[in-house]
Each structure stands twice: as C-alpha cells, then as structure tokens.
C-alpha atoms as a PDB file:
ATOM      1  CA  MET A   1      12.462  -6.669  10.879  1.00  0.00           C
ATOM      2  CA  ARG A   2      13.243  -2.998  10.390  1.00  0.00           C
ATOM      3  CA  GLU A   3      12.527  -0.502  13.147  1.00  0.00           C
ATOM      4  CA  ILE A   4       9.548   1.754  12.447  1.00  0.00           C
ATOM      5  CA  THR A   5      10.731   5.234  11.473  1.00  0.00           C
ATOM      6  CA  PRO A   6       9.000   8.449  10.484  1.00  0.00           C
ATOM      7  CA  GLU A   7       8.903   7.473   6.785  1.00  0.00           C
ATOM      8  CA  PRO A   8       6.511   4.524   7.227  1.00  0.00           C
ATOM      9  CA  LEU A   9       4.384   6.643   9.551  1.00  0.00           C
ATOM     10  CA  LYS A  10       4.202   9.368   6.899  1.00  0.00           C
ATOM     11  CA  VAL A  11       3.180   6.794   4.287  1.00  0.00           C
ATOM     12  CA  LEU A  12       0.488   5.631   6.704  1.00  0.00           C
ATOM     13  CA  GLN A  13      -0.816   9.195   6.908  1.00  0.00           C
ATOM     14  CA  VAL A  14      -0.816   9.542   3.105  1.00  0.00           C
ATOM     15  CA  ILE A  15      -2.862   6.350   2.757  1.00  0.00           C
ATOM     16  CA  ALA A  16      -5.248   7.571   5.458  1.00  0.00           C
ATOM     17  CA  LYS A  17      -5.644  10.930   3.706  1.00  0.00           C
ATOM     18  CA  TYR A  18      -6.648   9.252   0.433  1.00  0.00           C
ATOM     19  CA  GLY A  19      -8.884   6.668   2.120  1.00  0.00           C
ATOM     20  CA  GLU A  20      -8.009   3.641   0.078  1.00  0.00           C
ATOM     21  CA  ILE A  21      -5.390   3.162  -2.591  1.00  0.00           C
ATOM     22  CA  ARG A  22      -6.129   0.846  -5.492  1.00  0.00           C
ATOM     23  CA  GLY A  23      -2.954  -1.215  -5.821  1.00  0.00           C
ATOM     24  CA  ARG A  24       0.704  -0.929  -4.871  1.00  0.00           C
ATOM     25  CA  LEU A  25       1.599   0.497  -8.284  1.00  0.00           C
ATOM     26  CA  THR A  26      -0.841   3.360  -7.706  1.00  0.00           C
ATOM     27  CA  LEU A  27       0.673   3.993  -4.280  1.00  0.00           C
ATOM     28  CA  HIS A  28       4.209   4.022  -5.704  1.00  0.00           C
ATOM     29  CA  LYS A  29       3.090   6.495  -8.389  1.00  0.00           C
ATOM     30  CA  LEU A  30       1.297   8.662  -5.802  1.00  0.00           C
ATOM     31  CA  ILE A  31       4.260   8.833  -3.411  1.00  0.00           C
ATOM     32  CA  HIS A  32       6.611   9.515  -6.339  1.00  0.00           C
ATOM     33  CA  ALA A  33       4.366  12.326  -7.622  1.00  0.00           C
ATOM     34  CA  LEU A  34       4.005  13.863  -4.157  1.00  0.00           C
ATOM     35  CA  GLN A  35       7.773  13.829  -3.659  1.00  0.00           C
ATOM     36  CA  ASN A  36       8.449  15.300  -7.109  1.00  0.00           C
ATOM     37  CA  SER A  37       5.898  18.075  -6.594  1.00  0.00           C
ATOM     38  CA  ARG A  38       7.631  18.814  -3.282  1.00  0.00           C
ATOM     39  CA  ALA A  39       4.319  18.428  -1.456  1.00  0.00           C
ATOM     40  CA  VAL A  40       5.695  15.597   0.690  1.00  0.00           C
ATOM     41  CA  ASP A  41       9.258  14.951   1.795  1.00  0.00           C
ATOM     42  CA  LEU A  42       9.584  11.211   2.356  1.00  0.00           C
ATOM     43  CA  GLY A  43      13.074  10.593   1.032  1.00  0.00           C
ATOM     44  CA  TYR A  44      12.301   7.490  -1.018  1.00  0.00           C
ATOM     45  CA  ARG A  45      14.536   6.676  -3.973  1.00  0.00           C
ATOM     46  CA  PHE A  46      12.662   5.549  -7.064  1.00  0.00           C
ATOM     47  CA  ILE A  47      13.800   3.765 -10.195  1.00  0.00           C
ATOM     48  CA  ASN A  48      11.949   3.705 -13.493  1.00  0.00           C
ATOM     49  CA  TYR A  49      10.414   0.257 -13.736  1.00  0.00           C
ATOM     50  CA  SER A  50       8.253  -1.483 -16.342  1.00  0.00           C
ATOM     51  CA  PHE A  51       4.972   0.077 -15.245  1.00  0.00           C
ATOM     52  CA  GLY A  52       6.222   3.240 -13.555  1.00  0.00           C
ATOM     53  CA  PRO A  53       8.268   4.397 -10.582  1.00  0.00           C
ATOM     54  CA  TYR A  54       9.274   1.786  -7.996  1.00  0.00           C
ATOM     55  CA  SER A  55      10.949   2.143  -4.598  1.00  0.00           C
ATOM     56  CA  LYS A  56      12.364  -0.862  -2.772  1.00  0.00           C
ATOM     57  CA  GLU A  57      12.350   1.152   0.480  1.00  0.00           C
ATOM     58  CA  LEU A  58       8.676   2.032   0.048  1.00  0.00           C
ATOM     59  CA  GLU A  59       7.873  -1.627  -0.591  1.00  0.00           C
ATOM     60  CA  GLU A  60       9.718  -2.619   2.602  1.00  0.00           C
ATOM     61  CA  ASP A  61       7.835   0.044   4.567  1.00  0.00           C
ATOM     62  CA  LEU A  62       4.493  -1.238   3.243  1.00  0.00           C
ATOM     63  CA  LYS A  63       5.402  -4.743   4.406  1.00  0.00           C
ATOM     64  CA  LEU A  64       6.360  -3.338   7.803  1.00  0.00           C
ATOM     65  CA  LEU A  65       3.081  -1.419   8.139  1.00  0.00           C
ATOM     66  CA  ALA A  66       1.136  -4.557   7.185  1.00  0.00           C
ATOM     67  CA  SER A  67       3.076  -6.751   9.630  1.00  0.00           C
ATOM     68  CA  LEU A  68       2.269  -4.279  12.418  1.00  0.00           C
ATOM     69  CA  GLY A  69      -1.426  -4.403  11.522  1.00  0.00           C
ATOM     70  CA  LEU A  70      -1.535  -0.727  10.520  1.00  0.00           C
ATOM     71  CA  ILE A  71      -2.583  -1.343   6.904  1.00  0.00           C
ATOM     72  CA  VAL A  72      -4.395  -4.132   5.154  1.00  0.00           C
ATOM     73  CA  GLU A  73      -4.546  -5.210   1.522  1.00  0.00           C
ATOM     74  CA  GLU A  74      -7.937  -6.480   0.399  1.00  0.00           C
ATOM     75  CA  LYS A  75      -8.835  -8.056  -2.922  1.00  0.00           C
ATOM     76  CA  LYS A  76     -11.707  -6.258  -4.697  1.00  0.00           C
ATOM     77  CA  GLY A  77     -12.334  -7.941  -8.006  1.00  0.00           C
ATOM     78  CA  ASP A  78      -9.145  -7.733 -10.042  1.00  0.00           C
ATOM     79  CA  THR A  79      -7.674  -5.011  -7.837  1.00  0.00           C
ATOM     80  CA  THR A  80      -5.919  -5.033  -4.491  1.00  0.00           C
ATOM     81  CA  VAL A  81      -6.972  -2.155  -2.250  1.00  0.00           C
ATOM     82  CA  ILE A  82      -4.652  -0.806   0.453  1.00  0.00           C
ATOM     83  CA  LYS A  83      -6.430   0.656   3.483  1.00  0.00           C
ATOM     84  CA  VAL A  84      -5.509   1.854   6.933  1.00  0.00           C
ATOM     85  CA  THR A  85      -6.834  -0.363   9.727  1.00  0.00           C
ATOM     86  CA  LYS A  86      -8.564   0.874  12.871  1.00  0.00           C
ATOM     87  CA  LYS A  87      -5.263   0.429  14.721  1.00  0.00           C
ATOM     88  CA  GLY A  88      -3.525   2.381  11.945  1.00  0.00           C
ATOM     89  CA  MET A  89      -6.045   5.228  12.242  1.00  0.00           C
ATOM     90  CA  GLU A  90      -5.302   5.459  15.973  1.00  0.00           C
ATOM     91  CA  VAL A  91      -1.612   5.823  15.137  1.00  0.00           C
ATOM     92  CA  VAL A  92      -2.365   8.478  12.494  1.00  0.00           C
ATOM     93  CA  LYS A  93      -4.458  10.454  14.979  1.00  0.00           C
ATOM     94  CA  SER A  94      -1.708  10.221  17.592  1.00  0.00           C
ATOM     95  CA  PHE A  95       0.816  12.052  15.407  1.00  0.00           C
ATOM     96  CA  ALA A  96      -1.510  14.404  13.483  1.00  0.00           C
ATOM     97  CA  GLY A  97      -0.176  17.945  13.597  1.00  0.00           C
ATOM     98  CA  THR A  98       3.307  16.881  14.723  1.00  0.00           C
ATOM     99  CA  LYS A  99       6.564  17.174  12.813  1.00  0.00           C
ATOM    100  CA  LEU A 100       5.857  13.677  11.438  1.00  0.00           C
ATOM    101  CA  SER A 101       3.049  15.104   9.340  1.00  0.00           C
ATOM    102  CA  PRO A 102       4.179  14.724   5.707  1.00  0.00           C
ATOM    103  CA  TYR A 103       2.151  17.609   4.339  1.00  0.00           C
ATOM    104  CA  ARG A 104       4.755  20.324   4.608  1.00  0.00           C
ATOM    105  CA  VAL A 105       6.303  21.953   1.585  1.00  0.00           C
ATOM    106  CA  ARG A 106      10.099  21.747   1.495  1.00  0.00           C
ATOM    107  CA  ALA A 107      11.978  25.023   1.848  1.00  0.00           C
END
C-alpha cells in the first residue's frame, strides 16, 4: 500500500468541500477542471479516456482513502456517491488552513 501523501489529503478536502460527488467519473472531471483552471495544484496526470479525463494516480489515491476509512462509496440508485466519512472529516479539519489546503492559486 502506498504511503499517504499530501495529494490524497487534498483530494479528501475537495470531496469534503463539495459534500458528495456523484461517481468517480465526475470526480476525475472535477479534479481535472480544477487543475486546468489553476484553482488547485494537485499534480495529477490525466489522459483522455472514453468518457473524459482519467488519472491512474487519482484512482490509486481514491482506493487509499477508502482503505483508510476516510471516504466511502455508496450506491444511490444507478449512481455511486463518494462521500467523506466522519473519520475523514476529522482529518480534513486537522489540516484546514495549513499548506496542505488545495485552494491556493498557483503563482
């Protein structure tokens, strides 16, 4: 298992900011858009895939966050919803306002 680094923690904060994300594809598109707009510097590499941008590193970080119990994926009808758990919210609160906060515009 990969060591937890600032990138997964920043993704955790993004998910927490948006409340719940409807599907992994939506999350990939969101992170890609945030990076391209320079609103968030996460350093993920994306490729153009069948349904939109895809990052293997982001996918690995989502698996890591889930294995640590910081996010959960719940089935709601035909959609999978990604949410931050109570434990995940405690982690988000612990680094709010630090240099790990993703919401800084790049210079």
